[in-house]
Each structure stands twice: as C-alpha cells, then as structure tokens.
C-alpha atoms as a PDB file:
ATOM      1  CA  MET A   1     -47.805  44.873 134.538  1.00  0.00           C
ATOM      2  CA  ASN A   2     -48.348  44.376 138.062  1.00  0.00           C
ATOM      3  CA  GLU A   3     -49.943  46.803 140.263  1.00  0.00           C
ATOM      4  CA  GLU A   4     -47.190  46.421 142.580  1.00  0.00           C
ATOM      5  CA  GLN A   5     -44.706  47.407 140.038  1.00  0.00           C
ATOM      6  CA  ARG A   6     -46.301  50.635 139.284  1.00  0.00           C
ATOM      7  CA  ILE A   7     -44.871  53.873 140.818  1.00  0.00           C
ATOM      8  CA  THR A   8     -46.035  56.969 142.124  1.00  0.00           C
ATOM      9  CA  PRO A   9     -44.647  60.429 142.770  1.00  0.00           C
ATOM     10  CA  GLN A  10     -44.528  59.246 146.401  1.00  0.00           C
ATOM     11  CA  ASP A  11     -42.257  56.449 145.790  1.00  0.00           C
ATOM     12  CA  GLU A  12     -38.964  56.292 147.644  1.00  0.00           C
ATOM     13  CA  GLY A  13     -36.245  57.826 145.251  1.00  0.00           C
ATOM     14  CA  PHE A  14     -38.839  59.557 142.925  1.00  0.00           C
ATOM     15  CA  THR A  15     -40.439  62.103 145.143  1.00  0.00           C
ATOM     16  CA  ALA A  16     -37.886  64.834 143.880  1.00  0.00           C
ATOM     17  CA  ILE A  17     -39.215  64.153 140.224  1.00  0.00           C
ATOM     18  CA  ALA A  18     -42.618  64.100 140.626  1.00  0.00           C
ATOM     19  CA  PRO A  19     -44.250  66.132 137.956  1.00  0.00           C
ATOM     20  CA  ALA A  20     -45.872  69.501 139.312  1.00  0.00           C
ATOM     21  CA  PRO A  21     -45.500  72.107 136.970  1.00  0.00           C
ATOM     22  CA  ARG A  22     -48.056  74.067 138.336  1.00  0.00           C
ATOM     23  CA  ALA A  23     -46.938  73.978 142.009  1.00  0.00           C
ATOM     24  CA  HIS A  24     -45.622  77.328 143.661  1.00  0.00           C
ATOM     25  CA  LEU A  25     -45.165  79.615 140.471  1.00  0.00           C
ATOM     26  CA  PRO A  26     -46.168  83.231 140.431  1.00  0.00           C
ATOM     27  CA  ALA A  27     -49.463  83.678 139.145  1.00  0.00           C
ATOM     28  CA  THR A  28     -48.737  86.621 137.197  1.00  0.00           C
ATOM     29  CA  GLN A  29     -45.930  84.178 134.715  1.00  0.00           C
ATOM     30  CA  ASP A  30     -46.994  81.659 132.291  1.00  0.00           C
ATOM     31  CA  PRO A  31     -46.669  78.313 133.958  1.00  0.00           C
ATOM     32  CA  LEU A  32     -45.823  76.650 130.496  1.00  0.00           C
ATOM     33  CA  GLN A  33     -43.041  78.728 130.049  1.00  0.00           C
ATOM     34  CA  LEU A  34     -41.697  78.868 133.508  1.00  0.00           C
ATOM     35  CA  TYR A  35     -41.711  75.183 133.548  1.00  0.00           C
ATOM     36  CA  LEU A  36     -39.847  75.088 130.051  1.00  0.00           C
ATOM     37  CA  ARG A  37     -37.432  77.475 130.871  1.00  0.00           C
ATOM     38  CA  GLU A  38     -36.786  75.317 134.275  1.00  0.00           C
ATOM     39  CA  ILE A  39     -36.286  72.028 132.251  1.00  0.00           C
ATOM     40  CA  ARG A  40     -33.943  73.826 129.934  1.00  0.00           C
ATOM     41  CA  LYS A  41     -31.421  74.172 132.776  1.00  0.00           C
ATOM     42  CA  THR A  42     -30.652  70.345 132.558  1.00  0.00           C
ATOM     43  CA  PRO A  43     -28.439  69.467 129.917  1.00  0.00           C
ATOM     44  CA  LEU A  44     -29.091  66.474 127.546  1.00  0.00           C
ATOM     45  CA  LEU A  45     -27.126  63.538 128.150  1.00  0.00           C
ATOM     46  CA  THR A  46     -24.383  62.383 125.534  1.00  0.00           C
ATOM     47  CA  PRO A  47     -24.900  58.313 124.389  1.00  0.00           C
ATOM     48  CA  GLU A  48     -21.971  57.421 126.481  1.00  0.00           C
ATOM     49  CA  GLN A  49     -23.418  59.063 129.580  1.00  0.00           C
ATOM     50  CA  GLU A  50     -26.899  57.709 129.009  1.00  0.00           C
ATOM     51  CA  GLN A  51     -25.012  54.186 129.048  1.00  0.00           C
ATOM     52  CA  ASP A  52     -23.189  54.851 131.719  1.00  0.00           C
ATOM     53  CA  LEU A  53     -26.236  55.967 134.095  1.00  0.00           C
ATOM     54  CA  THR A  54     -28.708  53.211 132.729  1.00  0.00           C
ATOM     55  CA  ALA A  55     -25.937  50.425 133.785  1.00  0.00           C
ATOM     56  CA  ARG A  56     -25.288  51.828 136.972  1.00  0.00           C
ATOM     57  CA  TYR A  57     -28.715  52.727 137.701  1.00  0.00           C
ATOM     58  CA  ARG A  58     -29.622  49.145 136.980  1.00  0.00           C
ATOM     59  CA  GLU A  59     -27.235  47.816 139.065  1.00  0.00           C
ATOM     60  CA  THR A  60     -27.975  49.962 141.960  1.00  0.00           C
ATOM     61  CA  ALA A  61     -31.342  51.574 141.999  1.00  0.00           C
ATOM     62  CA  ASP A  62     -29.583  54.958 142.959  1.00  0.00           C
ATOM     63  CA  PRO A  63     -32.577  57.592 143.034  1.00  0.00           C
ATOM     64  CA  GLU A  64     -29.656  60.402 142.129  1.00  0.00           C
ATOM     65  CA  ILE A  65     -29.136  58.498 139.070  1.00  0.00           C
ATOM     66  CA  ALA A  66     -32.958  58.145 138.241  1.00  0.00           C
ATOM     67  CA  TYR A  67     -33.422  61.589 139.014  1.00  0.00           C
ATOM     68  CA  ARG A  68     -30.655  62.601 136.433  1.00  0.00           C
ATOM     69  CA  LEU A  69     -32.173  60.076 133.819  1.00  0.00           C
ATOM     70  CA  VAL A  70     -35.350  61.610 134.196  1.00  0.00           C
ATOM     71  CA  THR A  71     -34.631  65.104 134.331  1.00  0.00           C
ATOM     72  CA  ALA A  72     -32.669  64.774 131.080  1.00  0.00           C
ATOM     73  CA  ASN A  73     -35.414  63.419 129.594  1.00  0.00           C
ATOM     74  CA  LEU A  74     -37.930  65.933 130.201  1.00  0.00           C
ATOM     75  CA  ARG A  75     -37.997  67.890 127.191  1.00  0.00           C
ATOM     76  CA  LEU A  76     -39.298  64.818 125.096  1.00  0.00           C
ATOM     77  CA  VAL A  77     -42.340  64.720 127.390  1.00  0.00           C
ATOM     78  CA  VAL A  78     -43.195  68.252 126.289  1.00  0.00           C
ATOM     79  CA  LYS A  79     -42.781  67.354 122.608  1.00  0.00           C
ATOM     80  CA  ILE A  80     -44.949  64.315 122.892  1.00  0.00           C
ATOM     81  CA  ALA A  81     -47.478  66.106 125.124  1.00  0.00           C
ATOM     82  CA  LEU A  82     -47.587  69.131 122.088  1.00  0.00           C
ATOM     83  CA  GLU A  83     -48.384  66.392 119.483  1.00  0.00           C
ATOM     84  CA  TYR A  84     -51.290  64.780 121.521  1.00  0.00           C
ATOM     85  CA  GLN A  85     -52.812  68.315 122.579  1.00  0.00           C
ATOM     86  CA  ARG A  86     -53.276  69.110 118.778  1.00  0.00           C
ATOM     87  CA  HIS A  87     -55.454  66.070 118.188  1.00  0.00           C
ATOM     88  CA  TRP A  88     -57.334  65.936 121.889  1.00  0.00           C
ATOM     89  CA  THR A  89     -57.397  69.497 123.230  1.00  0.00           C
ATOM     90  CA  PHE A  90     -56.777  68.342 126.830  1.00  0.00           C
ATOM     91  CA  ASN A  91     -55.153  70.693 129.012  1.00  0.00           C
ATOM     92  CA  LEU A  92     -51.661  70.758 128.398  1.00  0.00           C
ATOM     93  CA  MET A  93     -50.056  70.716 131.679  1.00  0.00           C
ATOM     94  CA  ASP A  94     -52.253  67.426 132.558  1.00  0.00           C
ATOM     95  CA  LEU A  95     -50.715  65.917 129.544  1.00  0.00           C
ATOM     96  CA  ILE A  96     -47.078  66.744 130.702  1.00  0.00           C
ATOM     97  CA  GLN A  97     -47.846  65.493 134.230  1.00  0.00           C
ATOM     98  CA  GLU A  98     -49.391  62.214 132.834  1.00  0.00           C
ATOM     99  CA  GLY A  99     -46.089  61.763 130.676  1.00  0.00           C
ATOM    100  CA  ASN A 100     -43.404  62.789 133.448  1.00  0.00           C
ATOM    101  CA  LEU A 101     -45.201  59.660 135.341  1.00  0.00           C
ATOM    102  CA  GLY A 102     -44.578  57.517 132.377  1.00  0.00           C
ATOM    103  CA  LEU A 103     -40.936  58.577 131.911  1.00  0.00           C
ATOM    104  CA  MET A 104     -40.402  57.882 135.782  1.00  0.00           C
ATOM    105  CA  GLN A 105     -41.859  54.241 134.955  1.00  0.00           C
ATOM    106  CA  ALA A 106     -39.418  53.874 132.026  1.00  0.00           C
ATOM    107  CA  VAL A 107     -36.505  54.824 133.913  1.00  0.00           C
ATOM    108  CA  LYS A 108     -37.523  52.371 136.647  1.00  0.00           C
ATOM    109  CA  ASN A 109     -38.097  49.564 134.185  1.00  0.00           C
ATOM    110  CA  TYR A 110     -35.436  50.078 131.294  1.00  0.00           C
ATOM    111  CA  ASP A 111     -33.004  47.425 130.782  1.00  0.00           C
ATOM    112  CA  PRO A 112     -30.016  48.992 128.718  1.00  0.00           C
ATOM    113  CA  LEU A 113     -28.952  45.268 127.952  1.00  0.00           C
ATOM    114  CA  ARG A 114     -31.826  45.070 125.461  1.00  0.00           C
ATOM    115  CA  GLY A 115     -30.193  47.637 122.925  1.00  0.00           C
ATOM    116  CA  VAL A 116     -32.916  50.071 122.813  1.00  0.00           C
ATOM    117  CA  LYS A 117     -32.371  53.708 123.348  1.00  0.00           C
ATOM    118  CA  LEU A 118     -33.613  55.004 126.733  1.00  0.00           C
ATOM    119  CA  SER A 119     -35.829  57.762 124.464  1.00  0.00           C
ATOM    120  CA  TYR A 120     -37.241  55.237 122.440  1.00  0.00           C
ATOM    121  CA  TYR A 121     -38.336  53.068 125.391  1.00  0.00           C
ATOM    122  CA  ALA A 122     -39.509  56.023 127.237  1.00  0.00           C
ATOM    123  CA  SER A 123     -41.643  57.292 124.563  1.00  0.00           C
ATOM    124  CA  TYR A 124     -43.666  54.248 124.690  1.00  0.00           C
ATOM    125  CA  TRP A 125     -44.477  54.532 128.357  1.00  0.00           C
ATOM    126  CA  ILE A 126     -44.872  58.473 128.040  1.00  0.00           C
ATOM    127  CA  LYS A 127     -47.359  57.957 125.212  1.00  0.00           C
ATOM    128  CA  ALA A 128     -48.944  54.736 127.218  1.00  0.00           C
ATOM    129  CA  TYR A 129     -49.486  57.051 130.188  1.00  0.00           C
ATOM    130  CA  MET A 130     -50.988  59.840 128.284  1.00  0.00           C
ATOM    131  CA  ILE A 131     -53.488  57.585 126.077  1.00  0.00           C
ATOM    132  CA  LYS A 132     -54.659  56.001 128.995  1.00  0.00           C
ATOM    133  CA  TYR A 133     -55.244  59.490 130.809  1.00  0.00           C
ATOM    134  CA  VAL A 134     -57.135  60.598 127.842  1.00  0.00           C
ATOM    135  CA  MET A 135     -59.227  57.543 127.462  1.00  0.00           C
ATOM    136  CA  ASP A 136     -59.716  57.357 131.144  1.00  0.00           C
ATOM    137  CA  ASN A 137     -60.878  61.253 131.287  1.00  0.00           C
ATOM    138  CA  TRP A 138     -62.819  60.627 127.752  1.00  0.00           C
ATOM    139  CA  ARG A 139     -64.983  57.470 129.153  1.00  0.00           C
ATOM    140  CA  LEU A 140     -65.750  59.777 132.316  1.00  0.00           C
ATOM    141  CA  VAL A 141     -68.148  61.827 130.165  1.00  0.00           C
ATOM    142  CA  LYS A 142     -69.321  58.935 127.690  1.00  0.00           C
ATOM    143  CA  ILE A 143     -70.272  56.329 130.038  1.00  0.00           C
ATOM    144  CA  GLY A 144     -73.826  55.715 131.337  1.00  0.00           C
ATOM    145  CA  THR A 145     -75.568  58.079 128.654  1.00  0.00           C
ATOM    146  CA  THR A 146     -78.592  55.569 128.439  1.00  0.00           C
ATOM    147  CA  GLN A 147     -80.694  53.533 130.744  1.00  0.00           C
ATOM    148  CA  MET A 148     -79.258  50.324 129.966  1.00  0.00           C
ATOM    149  CA  GLN A 149     -75.560  51.390 129.548  1.00  0.00           C
ATOM    150  CA  ARG A 150     -76.165  52.969 133.382  1.00  0.00           C
ATOM    151  CA  LYS A 151     -77.537  49.669 134.426  1.00  0.00           C
ATOM    152  CA  LEU A 152     -74.560  47.643 132.840  1.00  0.00           C
ATOM    153  CA  PHE A 153     -72.004  50.072 134.208  1.00  0.00           C
ATOM    154  CA  PHE A 154     -73.251  49.793 137.840  1.00  0.00           C
ATOM    155  CA  ASN A 155     -73.872  46.094 137.863  1.00  0.00           C
ATOM    156  CA  LEU A 156     -72.055  44.163 134.882  1.00  0.00           C
ATOM    157  CA  GLN A 157     -68.998  43.080 137.399  1.00  0.00           C
ATOM    158  CA  LYS A 158     -71.595  41.980 140.347  1.00  0.00           C
ATOM    159  CA  GLU A 159     -73.367  39.673 137.664  1.00  0.00           C
ATOM    160  CA  LYS A 160     -69.961  38.347 136.441  1.00  0.00           C
ATOM    161  CA  ASN A 161     -68.789  37.479 140.125  1.00  0.00           C
ATOM    162  CA  ARG A 162     -72.008  36.121 140.902  1.00  0.00           C
ATOM    163  CA  LEU A 163     -71.964  33.796 137.808  1.00  0.00           C
ATOM    164  CA  GLU A 164     -68.438  32.551 138.594  1.00  0.00           C
ATOM    165  CA  LYS A 165     -69.612  31.778 142.140  1.00  0.00           C
ATOM    166  CA  LEU A 166     -72.115  29.425 140.669  1.00  0.00           C
ATOM    167  CA  GLY A 167     -69.639  28.025 138.506  1.00  0.00           C
ATOM    168  CA  PHE A 168     -70.734  29.553 135.123  1.00  0.00           C
ATOM    169  CA  THR A 169     -68.347  31.054 132.532  1.00  0.00           C
ATOM    170  CA  PRO A 170     -69.669  34.981 132.263  1.00  0.00           C
ATOM    171  CA  GLY A 171     -69.320  35.315 128.831  1.00  0.00           C
ATOM    172  CA  PRO A 172     -71.419  38.071 126.432  1.00  0.00           C
ATOM    173  CA  ALA A 173     -74.056  35.742 125.699  1.00  0.00           C
ATOM    174  CA  ARG A 174     -75.049  34.478 129.141  1.00  0.00           C
ATOM    175  CA  LEU A 175     -74.667  38.240 130.397  1.00  0.00           C
ATOM    176  CA  ALA A 176     -76.793  39.705 127.872  1.00  0.00           C
ATOM    177  CA  ALA A 177     -79.346  37.238 128.780  1.00  0.00           C
ATOM    178  CA  ALA A 178     -79.236  38.399 132.241  1.00  0.00           C
ATOM    179  CA  PHE A 179     -79.607  42.241 131.550  1.00  0.00           C
ATOM    180  CA  ASP A 180     -81.908  41.361 128.787  1.00  0.00           C
ATOM    181  CA  THR A 181     -79.819  43.195 126.351  1.00  0.00           C
ATOM    182  CA  THR A 182     -77.552  42.348 122.920  1.00  0.00           C
ATOM    183  CA  GLU A 183     -74.058  41.026 123.618  1.00  0.00           C
ATOM    184  CA  GLU A 184     -72.706  44.361 121.611  1.00  0.00           C
ATOM    185  CA  ASN A 185     -73.978  46.334 124.759  1.00  0.00           C
ATOM    186  CA  VAL A 186     -72.246  43.908 127.109  1.00  0.00           C
ATOM    187  CA  ILE A 187     -69.130  43.824 125.139  1.00  0.00           C
ATOM    188  CA  GLU A 188     -69.011  47.692 124.874  1.00  0.00           C
ATOM    189  CA  MET A 189     -69.521  47.996 128.402  1.00  0.00           C
ATOM    190  CA  GLU A 190     -66.556  45.565 129.056  1.00  0.00           C
ATOM    191  CA  GLN A 191     -64.409  47.467 127.037  1.00  0.00           C
ATOM    192  CA  ARG A 192     -65.129  50.790 128.485  1.00  0.00           C
ATOM    193  CA  LEU A 193     -64.769  49.155 132.045  1.00  0.00           C
ATOM    194  CA  GLY A 194     -61.555  47.643 131.324  1.00  0.00           C
ATOM    195  CA  ASP A 195     -58.075  49.354 132.290  1.00  0.00           C
ATOM    196  CA  TRP A 196     -55.948  49.804 129.617  1.00  0.00           C
ATOM    197  CA  GLU A 197     -52.398  48.680 130.866  1.00  0.00           C
ATOM    198  CA  PRO A 198     -49.158  48.875 129.018  1.00  0.00           C
ATOM    199  CA  SER A 199     -47.685  45.016 128.911  1.00  0.00           C
ATOM    200  CA  LEU A 200     -44.525  44.368 126.907  1.00  0.00           C
ATOM    201  CA  ASP A 201     -45.529  40.753 126.846  1.00  0.00           C
ATOM    202  CA  GLN A 202     -49.096  41.699 125.499  1.00  0.00           C
ATOM    203  CA  PRO A 203     -49.969  41.129 121.559  1.00  0.00           C
ATOM    204  CA  ILE A 204     -50.475  44.287 119.662  1.00  0.00           C
ATOM    205  CA  GLY A 205     -53.765  42.937 118.780  1.00  0.00           C
ATOM    206  CA  ASP A 206     -55.729  40.157 117.473  1.00  0.00           C
ATOM    207  CA  GLY A 207     -53.945  38.277 114.504  1.00  0.00           C
ATOM    208  CA  TRP A 208     -50.381  40.077 115.455  1.00  0.00           C
ATOM    209  CA  LYS A 209     -47.725  37.642 116.596  1.00  0.00           C
ATOM    210  CA  GLU A 210     -45.608  40.211 117.509  1.00  0.00           C
ATOM    211  CA  THR A 211     -45.716  41.501 121.169  1.00  0.00           C
ATOM    212  CA  ARG A 212     -45.245  44.890 122.305  1.00  0.00           C
ATOM    213  CA  GLY A 213     -41.698  44.184 123.434  1.00  0.00           C
ATOM    214  CA  ASP A 214     -40.638  42.769 119.891  1.00  0.00           C
ATOM    215  CA  LEU A 215     -41.509  45.975 118.647  1.00  0.00           C
ATOM    216  CA  LEU A 216     -39.072  47.904 120.758  1.00  0.00           C
ATOM    217  CA  SER A 217     -36.196  48.508 118.527  1.00  0.00           C
ATOM    218  CA  ALA A 218     -34.277  51.344 117.187  1.00  0.00           C
ATOM    219  CA  ASP A 219     -34.426  50.493 113.595  1.00  0.00           C
ATOM    220  CA  ARG A 220     -38.310  49.890 113.435  1.00  0.00           C
ATOM    221  CA  GLN A 221     -41.409  52.319 113.674  1.00  0.00           C
ATOM    222  CA  LEU A 222     -41.470  53.487 117.124  1.00  0.00           C
ATOM    223  CA  PHE A 223     -43.485  50.986 119.303  1.00  0.00           C
ATOM    224  CA  ASP A 224     -45.711  53.647 121.049  1.00  0.00           C
ATOM    225  CA  THR A 225     -46.867  55.018 117.706  1.00  0.00           C
ATOM    226  CA  THR A 226     -48.028  51.460 116.833  1.00  0.00           C
ATOM    227  CA  ILE A 227     -50.157  51.204 119.793  1.00  0.00           C
ATOM    228  CA  ALA A 228     -51.516  54.313 119.523  1.00  0.00           C
ATOM    229  CA  ASP A 229     -52.631  53.817 115.848  1.00  0.00           C
ATOM    230  CA  HIS A 230     -53.696  50.682 116.885  1.00  0.00           C
ATOM    231  CA  GLU A 231     -55.667  51.749 119.602  1.00  0.00           C
ATOM    232  CA  LEU A 232     -57.272  54.471 117.572  1.00  0.00           C
ATOM    233  CA  GLN A 233     -58.009  52.090 114.518  1.00  0.00           C
ATOM    234  CA  ARG A 234     -59.830  49.892 117.086  1.00  0.00           C
ATOM    235  CA  ILE A 235     -62.236  52.676 118.199  1.00  0.00           C
ATOM    236  CA  PHE A 236     -62.371  53.694 114.341  1.00  0.00           C
ATOM    237  CA  SER A 237     -63.591  50.431 113.282  1.00  0.00           C
ATOM    238  CA  GLN A 238     -66.188  49.929 116.035  1.00  0.00           C
ATOM    239  CA  LYS A 239     -67.787  53.152 114.903  1.00  0.00           C
ATOM    240  CA  LEU A 240     -67.784  52.253 111.369  1.00  0.00           C
ATOM    241  CA  ARG A 241     -69.615  49.040 112.152  1.00  0.00           C
ATOM    242  CA  GLU A 242     -72.058  51.598 114.188  1.00  0.00           C
ATOM    243  CA  ILE A 243     -72.568  53.619 111.186  1.00  0.00           C
ATOM    244  CA  ARG A 244     -73.184  50.636 108.442  1.00  0.00           C
ATOM    245  CA  SER A 245     -76.653  50.531 109.420  1.00  0.00           C
ATOM    246  CA  ARG A 246     -77.402  54.028 108.340  1.00  0.00           C
ATOM    247  CA  LEU A 247     -75.830  53.548 104.522  1.00  0.00           C
ATOM    248  CA  ASP A 248     -77.430  52.559 101.566  1.00  0.00           C
ATOM    249  CA  ASP A 249     -76.119  50.068  98.967  1.00  0.00           C
ATOM    250  CA  LYS A 250     -73.912  52.467  96.886  1.00  0.00           C
ATOM    251  CA  GLU A 251     -72.420  54.202 100.215  1.00  0.00           C
ATOM    252  CA  THR A 252     -71.754  50.805 101.955  1.00  0.00           C
ATOM    253  CA  GLU A 253     -70.071  49.562  98.802  1.00  0.00           C
ATOM    254  CA  LEU A 254     -67.529  53.078  98.698  1.00  0.00           C
ATOM    255  CA  LEU A 255     -66.872  52.369 102.270  1.00  0.00           C
ATOM    256  CA  GLU A 256     -65.868  48.804 102.095  1.00  0.00           C
ATOM    257  CA  LYS A 257     -64.560  48.739  98.314  1.00  0.00           C
ATOM    258  CA  ARG A 258     -63.063  52.164  98.412  1.00  0.00           C
ATOM    259  CA  LEU A 259     -62.345  54.071 101.313  1.00  0.00           C
ATOM    260  CA  LEU A 260     -61.105  51.041 103.534  1.00  0.00           C
ATOM    261  CA  SER A 261     -59.748  48.702 101.005  1.00  0.00           C
ATOM    262  CA  GLU A 262     -56.020  48.623 100.590  1.00  0.00           C
ATOM    263  CA  THR A 263     -56.690  47.791  96.790  1.00  0.00           C
ATOM    264  CA  PRO A 264     -59.563  50.618  96.234  1.00  0.00           C
ATOM    265  CA  LEU A 265     -61.755  50.528  93.189  1.00  0.00           C
ATOM    266  CA  THR A 266     -61.779  53.458  90.946  1.00  0.00           C
ATOM    267  CA  LEU A 267     -64.643  55.910  90.729  1.00  0.00           C
ATOM    268  CA  GLN A 268     -65.018  54.358  87.077  1.00  0.00           C
ATOM    269  CA  GLU A 269     -65.264  50.990  88.451  1.00  0.00           C
ATOM    270  CA  ILE A 270     -68.131  51.899  90.850  1.00  0.00           C
ATOM    271  CA  GLY A 271     -69.927  54.040  88.224  1.00  0.00           C
ATOM    272  CA  ASP A 272     -69.816  50.871  85.780  1.00  0.00           C
ATOM    273  CA  LYS A 273     -71.123  48.697  88.282  1.00  0.00           C
ATOM    274  CA  TYR A 274     -74.137  50.550  89.210  1.00  0.00           C
ATOM    275  CA  ASN A 275     -74.377  52.152  85.870  1.00  0.00           C
ATOM    276  CA  ILE A 276     -73.665  55.882  86.875  1.00  0.00           C
ATOM    277  CA  THR A 277     -71.328  58.559  86.023  1.00  0.00           C
ATOM    278  CA  LYS A 278     -67.767  58.808  87.735  1.00  0.00           C
ATOM    279  CA  GLU A 279     -69.003  62.278  88.887  1.00  0.00           C
ATOM    280  CA  ARG A 280     -72.149  60.443  90.518  1.00  0.00           C
ATOM    281  CA  VAL A 281     -69.820  58.275  92.563  1.00  0.00           C
ATOM    282  CA  ARG A 282     -67.809  61.210  93.217  1.00  0.00           C
ATOM    283  CA  GLN A 283     -70.724  63.196  94.822  1.00  0.00           C
ATOM    284  CA  ILE A 284     -71.797  59.959  96.684  1.00  0.00           C
ATOM    285  CA  GLU A 285     -68.316  59.434  97.906  1.00  0.00           C
ATOM    286  CA  ASN A 286     -68.131  62.784  99.326  1.00  0.00           C
ATOM    287  CA  ARG A 287     -71.786  62.844 100.928  1.00  0.00           C
ATOM    288  CA  LEU A 288     -70.530  59.263 102.617  1.00  0.00           C
ATOM    289  CA  LYS A 289     -67.243  61.023 104.188  1.00  0.00           C
ATOM    290  CA  LYS A 290     -69.310  63.965 105.300  1.00  0.00           C
ATOM    291  CA  LYS A 291     -72.154  61.334 106.973  1.00  0.00           C
ATOM    292  CA  ILE A 292     -68.962  59.551 108.418  1.00  0.00           C
ATOM    293  CA  ARG A 293     -67.452  62.786 109.826  1.00  0.00           C
ATOM    294  CA  ASP A 294     -70.470  64.080 111.130  1.00  0.00           C
ATOM    295  CA  TYR A 295     -71.257  60.902 113.156  1.00  0.00           C
ATOM    296  CA  MET A 296     -68.000  60.992 114.717  1.00  0.00           C
ATOM    297  CA  GLU A 297     -67.839  64.475 115.662  1.00  0.00           C
ATOM    298  CA  GLN A 298     -71.256  63.738 117.319  1.00  0.00           C
ATOM    299  CA  THR A 299     -70.494  60.412 119.309  1.00  0.00           C
ATOM    300  CA  MET A 300     -66.992  61.309 120.124  1.00  0.00           C
ATOM    301  CA  PRO A 301     -65.467  64.721 119.235  1.00  0.00           C
ATOM    302  CA  GLU A 302     -62.319  64.176 121.038  1.00  0.00           C
ATOM    303  CA  PHE A 303     -61.177  61.778 118.663  1.00  0.00           C
ATOM    304  CA  ALA A 304     -62.810  62.773 115.473  1.00  0.00           C
ATOM    305  CA  GLN A 305     -59.885  64.571 113.717  1.00  0.00           C
ATOM    306  CA  ALA A 306     -57.520  61.754 114.650  1.00  0.00           C
ATOM    307  CA  MET A 307     -59.222  59.162 113.354  1.00  0.00           C
ATOM    308  CA  LEU A 308     -60.935  60.578 110.068  1.00  0.00           C
ATOM    309  CA  PRO A 309     -58.651  59.585 107.063  1.00  0.00           C
ATOM    310  CA  SER A 310     -56.920  62.399 105.399  1.00  0.00           C
ATOM    311  CA  GLY A 311     -56.136  63.102 101.735  1.00  0.00           C
ATOM    312  CA  SER A 312     -58.188  61.234  98.778  1.00  0.00           C
ATOM    313  CA  ARG A 313     -58.254  57.858  97.006  1.00  0.00           C
ATOM    314  CA  ASP A 314     -57.653  57.527  93.467  1.00  0.00           C
ATOM    315  CA  ASP A 315     -59.888  59.893  91.453  1.00  0.00           C
ATOM    316  CA  ARG A 316     -59.980  57.876  88.239  1.00  0.00           C
END
C-alpha cells in the first residue's frame, strides 16, 4: 500500500467519520458507554443494502455513502478491540480509534466484485491497524535497551545509505562488520525499525505461496486472524531461539520433540531415551514451561499471554 493511498481523518469525505470517542463528552459519564450508545443508533445494513451501497460507492466515491458504510460497521471495531484488549491491555478507546481508521481504509479500498463480504474485508484492515498500533507502541518502550541497540537505532539507516552510495549492498554481514556487532543484532534492529504495512499482494510469510489477497474469501479462515497469528508466531519463534541457549539437553529435546512438534513424542518415549521415569520427564517439562513463561513475561509482557501455548500435550 503506497503512502498516497492511505487516508487520514482529514481526507475529504471522511472528516465526519474520523473517530474521536473521547471528544466533547461530559466528564461525569463513561466515554465508552456514551460511544456505544451513539453507534447503536445506526442500524445495521442488510446484505442487499450493503451490496447496493458498496457498488454505488465504487462508482461514485460519494462521501455520504462512505459515511453510511463506516457507521454501520463501527460495532465490529468495538468487538475486535475488546478481543485485543484482553491480550494486550492497551487503552480500549485507543484501539477503537485505530480500528476505525482501518475501517475507513477498508471502505475506501473495498471491491464488491471480489465476492467477499465487507465485514470480512474490513476485519482485516481493522486488525491490521490495531496490530500496527500495538507493535509500534510496544517498540517505543523496547528499542534501545543496550548501548549497541541504541547505536544501531540511530545509525543503521545512515550506514545503509552510505554503503549504497559507494556501490555496496548493505546486507546484514557487511553492516555487522561496520558496527562491530553480530548479524543477529542487525537483523533484529531492521525488523524493529521496519514499518509493518498491510499489503494484499505480499505473501503471508516465508514458504507461503498464498498472498494476503488470496486468503480473503468468506469460506476460509479470516485472513486478518491468519496475519495476526503469523506475526505472533514470528515473535514467539524469535524468543524461543533466544532461550535455547539457556536450556540443557533434556529441555531442548522436550522443546523440539514435544512442545513444538506437530507429532510430539510421549513422556514415556522421552523417558526411555534418557533412561528416566515418565514422571521425571513431566517434572522437567513443567520446569521448561515455567522457564519459557518467565522469560516471555520478562522480555515482552504485553505479548506473553497471547503467545504462550495453552493446554497440554499427550501425557502418556
């Protein structure tokens, strides 16, 4: 998505629907309840009405039609914001405001000829904006916690530009040598500094053939949920790589062959390999889970509960 394609609350035709749930509300009343009361006044659209309005907006870009489509879907934003707040404890009104911006973007870009419901398509944009908001604000706290990270934060882009002007490709190895650090540190900082922009043409991730647009269909898992899960999984995998250096052989075996495997070994199978009892393996596994949980809560508490696996493996 190009920068010029993005909208802001000040864009022509969208000023009236710019989200400002805190504005002009009596101090003695709950702003969330007032906001919910206000958006309930707008009736939901029937499928026929939605089809008619989206087709007309596609042809005319009429701001009044856009306003009708957005206000009819504001409750969807609140629903998604509540789901996200449970995991990430961000201010609910802030999440709603970001989600409303995503909803506005969805209405502007929606193509009714693709055969996808507006609510499905809008859910992707709503969650994309919320995820970006959460990660941006989380990064503001986490970036630059060591001297090397601060050095990379302020100078990495300058060094990349300098190398490009000299005719060199600014890859991780060359950058790491320039800063006398590891490639891992360079890659991590590049990921932190990189903007996460929703693009329908971008593959879901490494090894995926499907693009984000390919997954936008009413009879498949919500695309936005897939994106959110993939992003959390990427962060979780990165943290697991960091914690591996703190594990002994048995814990590493449990992590790779039991907790993360799609075909996990049983407690008995691991016990037989190390000549220990099944109960002893269970104790080691519980210790490993606690070690992972503690590390996640220390390094990124906002995401710990969303990423830690729930439930238990086969206890045989």
